[in-house]
């Protein structure tokens, strides 16, 4: 928290700095052996996958830890970039070391044996159940809410010991050994970015001719009785707009093809369909 002359710099409080992705500090081996508990895990990899696919899984395991505030150790003998996919050692191994101060992870890829070994080091003094009053601090404050126009009381619980994260489950979800439905702990999350595609409004300003002047003339025209195709009625406005419909659908299909070209080989392709008033039989237009 920074202080200006006679006042608090609230910006430093409401917009705090974040840690860099790398650090050059790691405790000495003798300190780790004396003060840290060790938990090794071995994760098997699909033998049919290529080295590049295995290295991408390794990088994803590193990236997941970065979202939990780990830092990649940038020291002698360590790789400095989380996306590093350079040459392996002569033994066919590649290792990352990550640290969060009281937690250390060493992740090693073994190309020959098709496996990734993860060793967790947890400082003994930072493990506990937070079940005593001295392990919990409750902080209460007033938060201004614009919508209601006044302050509301809020509280935040701080604990002495960080909640345990089941990294073995997360890592096995990443490599595809188990389904992400196995993640049940509230503190354990497989963090991914999800996007929803919202197509642009169809028709733009082509027609503002309804009684309210709303910009829905094109949609209304497209909804004109499609029985004209059977000769039962006439829908000249619809016939005149067919090229626009085709252009709109074509652009969306091109966009979908581009997204499919960027997807992972083992993921399901996008298969969205654009339905127009002619799609009454369920056939994409």
C-alpha atoms as a PDB file:
ATOM      1  CA  UNK A   1       0.000   0.000   0.000  1.00  0.00           C
ATOM      2  CA  UNK A   2       1.472   3.316  -1.079  1.00  0.00           C
ATOM      3  CA  UNK A   3       0.974   6.642   0.695  1.00  0.00           C
ATOM      4  CA  UNK A   4       0.909  10.057  -0.881  1.00  0.00           C
ATOM      5  CA  UNK A   5       1.382  13.251   1.081  1.00  0.00           C
ATOM      6  CA  UNK A   6      -1.437  13.241   3.612  1.00  0.00           C
ATOM      7  CA  UNK A   7      -3.506  10.601   1.797  1.00  0.00           C
ATOM      8  CA  UNK A   8      -3.616   6.920   0.896  1.00  0.00           C
ATOM      9  CA  UNK A   9      -2.985   5.903  -2.706  1.00  0.00           C
ATOM     10  CA  UNK A  10      -6.164   3.863  -3.106  1.00  0.00           C
ATOM     11  CA  UNK A  11      -5.212   2.774  -6.617  1.00  0.00           C
ATOM     12  CA  UNK A  12      -2.403   0.618  -5.235  1.00  0.00           C
ATOM     13  CA  UNK A  13      -4.936  -0.986  -2.905  1.00  0.00           C
ATOM     14  CA  UNK A  14      -7.745  -1.592  -5.416  1.00  0.00           C
ATOM     15  CA  UNK A  15      -5.399  -2.525  -8.293  1.00  0.00           C
ATOM     16  CA  UNK A  16      -2.522  -4.421  -6.677  1.00  0.00           C
ATOM     17  CA  UNK A  17       0.541  -5.547  -8.561  1.00  0.00           C
ATOM     18  CA  UNK A  18       0.871  -9.174  -9.663  1.00  0.00           C
ATOM     19  CA  UNK A  19       3.860 -11.446  -9.391  1.00  0.00           C
ATOM     20  CA  UNK A  20       6.053 -11.971 -12.453  1.00  0.00           C
ATOM     21  CA  UNK A  21       5.843 -15.371 -14.135  1.00  0.00           C
ATOM     22  CA  UNK A  22       9.430 -16.241 -13.232  1.00  0.00           C
ATOM     23  CA  UNK A  23      11.702 -15.977 -10.211  1.00  0.00           C
ATOM     24  CA  UNK A  24      15.382 -16.711  -9.660  1.00  0.00           C
ATOM     25  CA  UNK A  25      14.981 -17.820  -6.026  1.00  0.00           C
ATOM     26  CA  UNK A  26      14.611 -21.344  -4.740  1.00  0.00           C
ATOM     27  CA  UNK A  27      15.560 -22.682  -1.282  1.00  0.00           C
ATOM     28  CA  UNK A  28      18.730 -24.702  -0.996  1.00  0.00           C
ATOM     29  CA  UNK A  29      18.405 -28.482  -1.146  1.00  0.00           C
ATOM     30  CA  UNK A  30      19.310 -28.900   2.532  1.00  0.00           C
ATOM     31  CA  UNK A  31      16.564 -26.458   3.524  1.00  0.00           C
ATOM     32  CA  UNK A  32      14.030 -28.324   1.385  1.00  0.00           C
ATOM     33  CA  UNK A  33      15.006 -31.679   2.901  1.00  0.00           C
ATOM     34  CA  UNK A  34      14.786 -30.313   6.438  1.00  0.00           C
ATOM     35  CA  UNK A  35      11.629 -28.186   6.265  1.00  0.00           C
ATOM     36  CA  UNK A  36       9.478 -29.574   3.463  1.00  0.00           C
ATOM     37  CA  UNK A  37       7.249 -32.633   3.166  1.00  0.00           C
ATOM     38  CA  UNK A  38       7.562 -34.563  -0.099  1.00  0.00           C
ATOM     39  CA  UNK A  39       4.801 -36.105  -2.201  1.00  0.00           C
ATOM     40  CA  UNK A  40       5.766 -37.766  -5.507  1.00  0.00           C
ATOM     41  CA  UNK A  41       3.247 -38.663  -8.240  1.00  0.00           C
ATOM     42  CA  UNK A  42       3.733 -40.411 -11.591  1.00  0.00           C
ATOM     43  CA  UNK A  43       1.414 -39.721 -14.526  1.00  0.00           C
ATOM     44  CA  UNK A  44       1.361 -42.092 -17.470  1.00  0.00           C
ATOM     45  CA  UNK A  45       1.155 -40.714 -21.018  1.00  0.00           C
ATOM     46  CA  UNK A  46      -0.440 -42.236 -24.085  1.00  0.00           C
ATOM     47  CA  UNK A  47       2.166 -44.215 -25.997  1.00  0.00           C
ATOM     48  CA  UNK A  48       0.477 -43.313 -29.295  1.00  0.00           C
ATOM     49  CA  UNK A  49       1.044 -39.583 -28.803  1.00  0.00           C
ATOM     50  CA  UNK A  50       4.038 -37.801 -30.284  1.00  0.00           C
ATOM     51  CA  UNK A  51       6.777 -36.036 -28.373  1.00  0.00           C
ATOM     52  CA  UNK A  52       5.273 -32.674 -29.371  1.00  0.00           C
ATOM     53  CA  UNK A  53       1.913 -33.685 -27.910  1.00  0.00           C
ATOM     54  CA  UNK A  54       3.565 -34.786 -24.677  1.00  0.00           C
ATOM     55  CA  UNK A  55       5.462 -31.508 -24.418  1.00  0.00           C
ATOM     56  CA  UNK A  56       2.246 -29.569 -24.952  1.00  0.00           C
ATOM     57  CA  UNK A  57       0.662 -31.471 -22.061  1.00  0.00           C
ATOM     58  CA  UNK A  58       3.718 -30.650 -19.963  1.00  0.00           C
ATOM     59  CA  UNK A  59       3.328 -26.962 -20.821  1.00  0.00           C
ATOM     60  CA  UNK A  60      -0.371 -27.068 -19.900  1.00  0.00           C
ATOM     61  CA  UNK A  61       0.519 -28.511 -16.498  1.00  0.00           C
ATOM     62  CA  UNK A  62       2.874 -25.572 -15.983  1.00  0.00           C
ATOM     63  CA  UNK A  63       0.291 -23.037 -17.153  1.00  0.00           C
ATOM     64  CA  UNK A  64      -2.315 -24.412 -14.744  1.00  0.00           C
ATOM     65  CA  UNK A  65       0.088 -23.789 -11.870  1.00  0.00           C
ATOM     66  CA  UNK A  66       0.735 -20.256 -13.055  1.00  0.00           C
ATOM     67  CA  UNK A  67      -3.002 -19.544 -12.654  1.00  0.00           C
ATOM     68  CA  UNK A  68      -2.603 -20.544  -8.995  1.00  0.00           C
ATOM     69  CA  UNK A  69       0.202 -17.974  -8.469  1.00  0.00           C
ATOM     70  CA  UNK A  70       3.149 -20.323  -8.917  1.00  0.00           C
ATOM     71  CA  UNK A  71       6.287 -18.927 -10.558  1.00  0.00           C
ATOM     72  CA  UNK A  72       8.673 -20.737 -12.879  1.00  0.00           C
ATOM     73  CA  UNK A  73      12.160 -20.866 -11.385  1.00  0.00           C
ATOM     74  CA  UNK A  74      14.545 -19.158 -13.795  1.00  0.00           C
ATOM     75  CA  UNK A  75      17.847 -20.380 -12.454  1.00  0.00           C
ATOM     76  CA  UNK A  76      20.791 -22.390 -13.687  1.00  0.00           C
ATOM     77  CA  UNK A  77      19.611 -25.682 -15.085  1.00  0.00           C
ATOM     78  CA  UNK A  78      15.954 -24.591 -15.301  1.00  0.00           C
ATOM     79  CA  UNK A  79      13.873 -23.599 -18.303  1.00  0.00           C
ATOM     80  CA  UNK A  80      12.678 -20.005 -18.051  1.00  0.00           C
ATOM     81  CA  UNK A  81       9.620 -20.074 -20.299  1.00  0.00           C
ATOM     82  CA  UNK A  82       6.451 -22.061 -19.493  1.00  0.00           C
ATOM     83  CA  UNK A  83       5.927 -22.818 -23.172  1.00  0.00           C
ATOM     84  CA  UNK A  84       9.463 -24.089 -23.680  1.00  0.00           C
ATOM     85  CA  UNK A  85       9.591 -27.064 -26.056  1.00  0.00           C
ATOM     86  CA  UNK A  86      13.263 -27.132 -26.966  1.00  0.00           C
ATOM     87  CA  UNK A  87      15.594 -30.103 -27.100  1.00  0.00           C
ATOM     88  CA  UNK A  88      15.503 -32.674 -24.315  1.00  0.00           C
ATOM     89  CA  UNK A  89      18.476 -33.709 -22.257  1.00  0.00           C
ATOM     90  CA  UNK A  90      20.597 -36.661 -23.335  1.00  0.00           C
ATOM     91  CA  UNK A  91      18.501 -38.831 -21.041  1.00  0.00           C
ATOM     92  CA  UNK A  92      15.333 -37.723 -22.846  1.00  0.00           C
ATOM     93  CA  UNK A  93      14.030 -35.649 -19.933  1.00  0.00           C
ATOM     94  CA  UNK A  94      12.830 -32.081 -19.491  1.00  0.00           C
ATOM     95  CA  UNK A  95      12.148 -30.538 -16.082  1.00  0.00           C
ATOM     96  CA  UNK A  96      10.382 -27.461 -14.733  1.00  0.00           C
ATOM     97  CA  UNK A  97      10.617 -26.193 -11.179  1.00  0.00           C
ATOM     98  CA  UNK A  98       7.847 -23.948  -9.878  1.00  0.00           C
ATOM     99  CA  UNK A  99       7.565 -22.182  -6.551  1.00  0.00           C
ATOM    100  CA  UNK A 100       4.977 -20.409  -4.446  1.00  0.00           C
ATOM    101  CA  UNK A 101       7.292 -19.820  -1.510  1.00  0.00           C
ATOM    102  CA  UNK A 102       5.843 -22.424   0.840  1.00  0.00           C
ATOM    103  CA  UNK A 103       5.154 -24.849  -2.022  1.00  0.00           C
ATOM    104  CA  UNK A 104       7.516 -26.229  -4.646  1.00  0.00           C
ATOM    105  CA  UNK A 105       6.724 -28.425  -7.647  1.00  0.00           C
ATOM    106  CA  UNK A 106       9.229 -30.260  -9.809  1.00  0.00           C
ATOM    107  CA  UNK A 107       7.708 -31.574 -13.032  1.00  0.00           C
ATOM    108  CA  UNK A 108       9.829 -33.895 -15.162  1.00  0.00           C
ATOM    109  CA  UNK A 109       8.961 -35.313 -18.568  1.00  0.00           C
ATOM    110  CA  UNK A 110      10.489 -38.715 -19.385  1.00  0.00           C
ATOM    111  CA  UNK A 111      10.297 -39.360 -23.116  1.00  0.00           C
ATOM    112  CA  UNK A 112      11.676 -42.897 -22.972  1.00  0.00           C
ATOM    113  CA  UNK A 113       9.224 -44.188 -20.363  1.00  0.00           C
ATOM    114  CA  UNK A 114       6.302 -42.018 -21.585  1.00  0.00           C
ATOM    115  CA  UNK A 115       5.530 -40.479 -18.215  1.00  0.00           C
ATOM    116  CA  UNK A 116       5.590 -37.236 -16.256  1.00  0.00           C
ATOM    117  CA  UNK A 117       6.778 -37.229 -12.652  1.00  0.00           C
ATOM    118  CA  UNK A 118       5.532 -34.522 -10.296  1.00  0.00           C
ATOM    119  CA  UNK A 119       7.172 -34.022  -6.900  1.00  0.00           C
ATOM    120  CA  UNK A 120       5.339 -31.695  -4.515  1.00  0.00           C
ATOM    121  CA  UNK A 121       7.263 -30.070  -1.673  1.00  0.00           C
ATOM    122  CA  UNK A 122       5.067 -28.476   1.014  1.00  0.00           C
ATOM    123  CA  UNK A 123       6.637 -26.554   3.867  1.00  0.00           C
ATOM    124  CA  UNK A 124       5.728 -28.370   7.085  1.00  0.00           C
ATOM    125  CA  UNK A 125       4.915 -25.162   8.951  1.00  0.00           C
ATOM    126  CA  UNK A 126       2.254 -24.210   6.386  1.00  0.00           C
ATOM    127  CA  UNK A 127       0.088 -27.312   6.567  1.00  0.00           C
ATOM    128  CA  UNK A 128      -2.846 -27.610   8.932  1.00  0.00           C
ATOM    129  CA  UNK A 129      -6.636 -27.769   9.183  1.00  0.00           C
ATOM    130  CA  UNK A 130      -7.361 -24.155  10.261  1.00  0.00           C
ATOM    131  CA  UNK A 131      -9.645 -25.530  13.002  1.00  0.00           C
ATOM    132  CA  UNK A 132      -8.489 -23.302  15.867  1.00  0.00           C
ATOM    133  CA  UNK A 133      -9.381 -19.622  16.464  1.00  0.00           C
ATOM    134  CA  UNK A 134      -5.760 -18.633  16.071  1.00  0.00           C
ATOM    135  CA  UNK A 135      -5.720 -20.032  12.534  1.00  0.00           C
ATOM    136  CA  UNK A 136      -8.540 -17.768  11.292  1.00  0.00           C
ATOM    137  CA  UNK A 137      -8.897 -14.026  10.894  1.00  0.00           C
ATOM    138  CA  UNK A 138     -12.221 -12.540   9.824  1.00  0.00           C
ATOM    139  CA  UNK A 139     -11.967  -9.130   8.156  1.00  0.00           C
ATOM    140  CA  UNK A 140     -15.096  -6.982   7.854  1.00  0.00           C
ATOM    141  CA  UNK A 141     -15.437  -3.901   5.682  1.00  0.00           C
ATOM    142  CA  UNK A 142     -18.008  -1.670   3.984  1.00  0.00           C
ATOM    143  CA  UNK A 143     -18.296  -1.845   0.196  1.00  0.00           C
ATOM    144  CA  UNK A 144     -19.969   0.889  -1.848  1.00  0.00           C
ATOM    145  CA  UNK A 145     -22.555  -0.512  -4.303  1.00  0.00           C
ATOM    146  CA  UNK A 146     -23.612   1.895  -7.056  1.00  0.00           C
ATOM    147  CA  UNK A 147     -26.811   0.020  -7.864  1.00  0.00           C
ATOM    148  CA  UNK A 148     -28.324   0.490  -4.411  1.00  0.00           C
ATOM    149  CA  UNK A 149     -26.602   3.804  -3.654  1.00  0.00           C
ATOM    150  CA  UNK A 150     -25.109   2.950  -0.267  1.00  0.00           C
ATOM    151  CA  UNK A 151     -22.463   0.869   1.492  1.00  0.00           C
ATOM    152  CA  UNK A 152     -23.006  -2.799   2.249  1.00  0.00           C
ATOM    153  CA  UNK A 153     -21.182  -4.787   4.902  1.00  0.00           C
ATOM    154  CA  UNK A 154     -18.886  -7.515   3.575  1.00  0.00           C
ATOM    155  CA  UNK A 155     -16.479  -9.934   5.184  1.00  0.00           C
ATOM    156  CA  UNK A 156     -13.496 -12.001   4.151  1.00  0.00           C
ATOM    157  CA  UNK A 157     -12.061 -14.978   6.011  1.00  0.00           C
ATOM    158  CA  UNK A 158      -8.274 -15.333   6.013  1.00  0.00           C
ATOM    159  CA  UNK A 159      -6.734 -18.612   7.155  1.00  0.00           C
ATOM    160  CA  UNK A 160      -3.269 -19.442   8.338  1.00  0.00           C
ATOM    161  CA  UNK A 161      -2.893 -22.561   6.221  1.00  0.00           C
ATOM    162  CA  UNK A 162      -3.739 -22.512   2.495  1.00  0.00           C
ATOM    163  CA  UNK A 163      -6.401 -24.950   1.361  1.00  0.00           C
ATOM    164  CA  UNK A 164      -4.956 -28.101  -0.176  1.00  0.00           C
ATOM    165  CA  UNK A 165      -5.209 -28.531  -3.948  1.00  0.00           C
ATOM    166  CA  UNK A 166      -5.345 -32.014  -5.452  1.00  0.00           C
ATOM    167  CA  UNK A 167      -2.833 -31.525  -8.234  1.00  0.00           C
ATOM    168  CA  UNK A 168      -2.785 -35.211  -9.081  1.00  0.00           C
ATOM    169  CA  UNK A 169      -6.417 -35.001 -10.199  1.00  0.00           C
ATOM    170  CA  UNK A 170      -5.835 -31.833 -12.228  1.00  0.00           C
ATOM    171  CA  UNK A 171      -2.759 -33.286 -13.944  1.00  0.00           C
ATOM    172  CA  UNK A 172      -4.559 -36.491 -14.854  1.00  0.00           C
ATOM    173  CA  UNK A 173      -7.447 -34.474 -16.292  1.00  0.00           C
ATOM    174  CA  UNK A 174      -4.961 -32.533 -18.419  1.00  0.00           C
ATOM    175  CA  UNK A 175      -3.367 -35.651 -19.929  1.00  0.00           C
ATOM    176  CA  UNK A 176      -6.772 -37.296 -20.419  1.00  0.00           C
ATOM    177  CA  UNK A 177      -6.433 -40.146 -17.927  1.00  0.00           C
ATOM    178  CA  UNK A 178      -9.595 -39.170 -16.023  1.00  0.00           C
ATOM    179  CA  UNK A 179     -12.654 -37.036 -16.739  1.00  0.00           C
ATOM    180  CA  UNK A 180     -12.882 -33.499 -15.368  1.00  0.00           C
ATOM    181  CA  UNK A 181     -16.063 -34.600 -13.555  1.00  0.00           C
ATOM    182  CA  UNK A 182     -13.728 -36.161 -10.971  1.00  0.00           C
ATOM    183  CA  UNK A 183     -12.834 -32.684  -9.704  1.00  0.00           C
ATOM    184  CA  UNK A 184     -15.113 -32.259  -6.677  1.00  0.00           C
ATOM    185  CA  UNK A 185     -13.102 -30.147  -4.233  1.00  0.00           C
ATOM    186  CA  UNK A 186     -14.032 -26.457  -4.181  1.00  0.00           C
ATOM    187  CA  UNK A 187     -10.346 -25.535  -3.953  1.00  0.00           C
ATOM    188  CA  UNK A 188      -9.363 -27.700  -6.922  1.00  0.00           C
ATOM    189  CA  UNK A 189     -10.243 -26.216 -10.300  1.00  0.00           C
ATOM    190  CA  UNK A 190      -9.177 -27.043 -13.832  1.00  0.00           C
ATOM    191  CA  UNK A 191      -9.102 -23.492 -15.095  1.00  0.00           C
ATOM    192  CA  UNK A 192     -10.040 -22.970 -18.718  1.00  0.00           C
ATOM    193  CA  UNK A 193     -11.301 -20.065 -20.783  1.00  0.00           C
ATOM    194  CA  UNK A 194     -14.723 -20.596 -22.323  1.00  0.00           C
ATOM    195  CA  UNK A 195     -16.031 -18.470 -25.169  1.00  0.00           C
ATOM    196  CA  UNK A 196     -19.577 -18.014 -26.427  1.00  0.00           C
ATOM    197  CA  UNK A 197     -19.971 -16.983 -30.062  1.00  0.00           C
ATOM    198  CA  UNK A 198     -22.709 -14.396 -30.591  1.00  0.00           C
ATOM    199  CA  UNK A 199     -23.390 -13.879 -34.310  1.00  0.00           C
ATOM    200  CA  UNK A 200     -23.893 -10.270 -35.437  1.00  0.00           C
ATOM    201  CA  UNK A 201     -27.457  -9.076 -35.877  1.00  0.00           C
ATOM    202  CA  UNK A 202     -28.697 -10.184 -39.243  1.00  0.00           C
ATOM    203  CA  UNK A 203     -29.856  -7.495 -41.631  1.00  0.00           C
ATOM    204  CA  UNK A 204     -28.246  -4.389 -40.220  1.00  0.00           C
ATOM    205  CA  UNK A 205     -30.077  -1.249 -41.304  1.00  0.00           C
ATOM    206  CA  UNK A 206     -31.610  -2.731 -44.441  1.00  0.00           C
ATOM    207  CA  UNK A 207     -35.136  -1.968 -43.394  1.00  0.00           C
ATOM    208  CA  UNK A 208     -36.665   0.282 -40.747  1.00  0.00           C
ATOM    209  CA  UNK A 209     -40.134   0.187 -42.187  1.00  0.00           C
ATOM    210  CA  UNK A 210     -42.309  -1.246 -39.441  1.00  0.00           C
ATOM    211  CA  UNK A 211     -44.758   0.895 -37.567  1.00  0.00           C
ATOM    212  CA  UNK A 212     -42.359   1.435 -34.658  1.00  0.00           C
ATOM    213  CA  UNK A 213     -39.327   2.178 -36.815  1.00  0.00           C
ATOM    214  CA  UNK A 214     -37.466  -0.722 -35.249  1.00  0.00           C
ATOM    215  CA  UNK A 215     -34.494  -2.240 -37.037  1.00  0.00           C
ATOM    216  CA  UNK A 216     -36.142  -5.587 -37.615  1.00  0.00           C
ATOM    217  CA  UNK A 217     -37.508  -5.195 -41.122  1.00  0.00           C
ATOM    218  CA  UNK A 218     -35.206  -7.789 -42.619  1.00  0.00           C
ATOM    219  CA  UNK A 219     -35.993 -10.376 -39.957  1.00  0.00           C
ATOM    220  CA  UNK A 220     -39.695  -9.741 -40.461  1.00  0.00           C
ATOM    221  CA  UNK A 221     -39.359 -10.136 -44.212  1.00  0.00           C
ATOM    222  CA  UNK A 222     -37.427 -13.376 -43.799  1.00  0.00           C
ATOM    223  CA  UNK A 223     -40.318 -14.632 -41.703  1.00  0.00           C
ATOM    224  CA  UNK A 224     -42.718 -13.989 -44.592  1.00  0.00           C
ATOM    225  CA  UNK A 225     -44.797 -17.021 -45.473  1.00  0.00           C
ATOM    226  CA  UNK A 226     -42.362 -19.472 -47.067  1.00  0.00           C
ATOM    227  CA  UNK A 227     -45.242 -21.255 -48.734  1.00  0.00           C
ATOM    228  CA  UNK A 228     -44.311 -19.227 -51.807  1.00  0.00           C
ATOM    229  CA  UNK A 229     -41.836 -21.988 -52.587  1.00  0.00           C
ATOM    230  CA  UNK A 230     -44.826 -24.274 -53.050  1.00  0.00           C
ATOM    231  CA  UNK A 231     -46.721 -21.745 -55.141  1.00  0.00           C
ATOM    232  CA  UNK A 232     -49.314 -21.082 -52.459  1.00  0.00           C
ATOM    233  CA  UNK A 233     -48.420 -17.457 -51.870  1.00  0.00           C
ATOM    234  CA  UNK A 234     -46.078 -14.769 -53.110  1.00  0.00           C
ATOM    235  CA  UNK A 235     -43.188 -13.448 -51.020  1.00  0.00           C
ATOM    236  CA  UNK A 236     -41.269 -11.036 -53.205  1.00  0.00           C
ATOM    237  CA  UNK A 237     -39.377  -9.423 -50.274  1.00  0.00           C
ATOM    238  CA  UNK A 238     -37.993 -12.811 -49.260  1.00  0.00           C
ATOM    239  CA  UNK A 239     -36.874 -13.689 -52.770  1.00  0.00           C
ATOM    240  CA  UNK A 240     -35.042 -10.377 -53.036  1.00  0.00           C
ATOM    241  CA  UNK A 241     -33.077 -11.031 -49.851  1.00  0.00           C
ATOM    242  CA  UNK A 242     -31.774 -14.513 -50.665  1.00  0.00           C
ATOM    243  CA  UNK A 243     -28.278 -13.251 -51.694  1.00  0.00           C
ATOM    244  CA  UNK A 244     -27.908 -11.511 -48.327  1.00  0.00           C
ATOM    245  CA  UNK A 245     -28.884 -14.693 -46.543  1.00  0.00           C
ATOM    246  CA  UNK A 246     -26.322 -16.683 -48.511  1.00  0.00           C
ATOM    247  CA  UNK A 247     -23.570 -14.151 -47.773  1.00  0.00           C
ATOM    248  CA  UNK A 248     -24.371 -14.128 -44.055  1.00  0.00           C
ATOM    249  CA  UNK A 249     -24.343 -17.935 -43.815  1.00  0.00           C
ATOM    250  CA  UNK A 250     -21.172 -18.187 -45.908  1.00  0.00           C
ATOM    251  CA  UNK A 251     -19.257 -15.812 -43.618  1.00  0.00           C
ATOM    252  CA  UNK A 252     -20.297 -17.746 -40.537  1.00  0.00           C
ATOM    253  CA  UNK A 253     -19.272 -21.047 -42.120  1.00  0.00           C
ATOM    254  CA  UNK A 254     -15.867 -19.603 -43.066  1.00  0.00           C
ATOM    255  CA  UNK A 255     -15.411 -18.445 -39.481  1.00  0.00           C
ATOM    256  CA  UNK A 256     -16.310 -21.895 -38.186  1.00  0.00           C
ATOM    257  CA  UNK A 257     -13.840 -23.535 -40.582  1.00  0.00           C
ATOM    258  CA  UNK A 258     -11.100 -21.251 -39.273  1.00  0.00           C
ATOM    259  CA  UNK A 259     -11.860 -22.179 -35.648  1.00  0.00           C
ATOM    260  CA  UNK A 260     -11.811 -25.874 -36.558  1.00  0.00           C
ATOM    261  CA  UNK A 261      -8.423 -25.428 -38.225  1.00  0.00           C
ATOM    262  CA  UNK A 262      -7.034 -24.147 -34.899  1.00  0.00           C
ATOM    263  CA  UNK A 263      -8.472 -26.832 -32.615  1.00  0.00           C
ATOM    264  CA  UNK A 264      -6.488 -29.646 -31.029  1.00  0.00           C
ATOM    265  CA  UNK A 265      -6.383 -32.900 -32.971  1.00  0.00           C
ATOM    266  CA  UNK A 266      -8.131 -34.840 -30.210  1.00  0.00           C
ATOM    267  CA  UNK A 267     -10.984 -32.349 -29.710  1.00  0.00           C
ATOM    268  CA  UNK A 268     -14.443 -32.404 -31.227  1.00  0.00           C
ATOM    269  CA  UNK A 269     -14.939 -30.101 -34.237  1.00  0.00           C
ATOM    270  CA  UNK A 270     -17.487 -27.310 -34.148  1.00  0.00           C
ATOM    271  CA  UNK A 271     -20.620 -28.194 -36.078  1.00  0.00           C
ATOM    272  CA  UNK A 272     -22.930 -25.209 -35.664  1.00  0.00           C
ATOM    273  CA  UNK A 273     -25.721 -24.796 -38.192  1.00  0.00           C
ATOM    274  CA  UNK A 274     -27.372 -21.592 -39.341  1.00  0.00           C
ATOM    275  CA  UNK A 275     -31.119 -22.065 -39.656  1.00  0.00           C
ATOM    276  CA  UNK A 276     -33.194 -19.751 -41.828  1.00  0.00           C
ATOM    277  CA  UNK A 277     -36.970 -19.659 -42.320  1.00  0.00           C
ATOM    278  CA  UNK A 278     -36.448 -22.274 -45.058  1.00  0.00           C
ATOM    279  CA  UNK A 279     -34.983 -24.690 -42.484  1.00  0.00           C
ATOM    280  CA  UNK A 280     -38.324 -26.084 -41.421  1.00  0.00           C
ATOM    281  CA  UNK A 281     -37.183 -29.615 -42.199  1.00  0.00           C
ATOM    282  CA  UNK A 282     -34.086 -29.219 -39.980  1.00  0.00           C
ATOM    283  CA  UNK A 283     -31.683 -28.902 -42.908  1.00  0.00           C
ATOM    284  CA  UNK A 284     -28.990 -26.257 -42.462  1.00  0.00           C
ATOM    285  CA  UNK A 285     -29.017 -23.439 -44.953  1.00  0.00           C
END
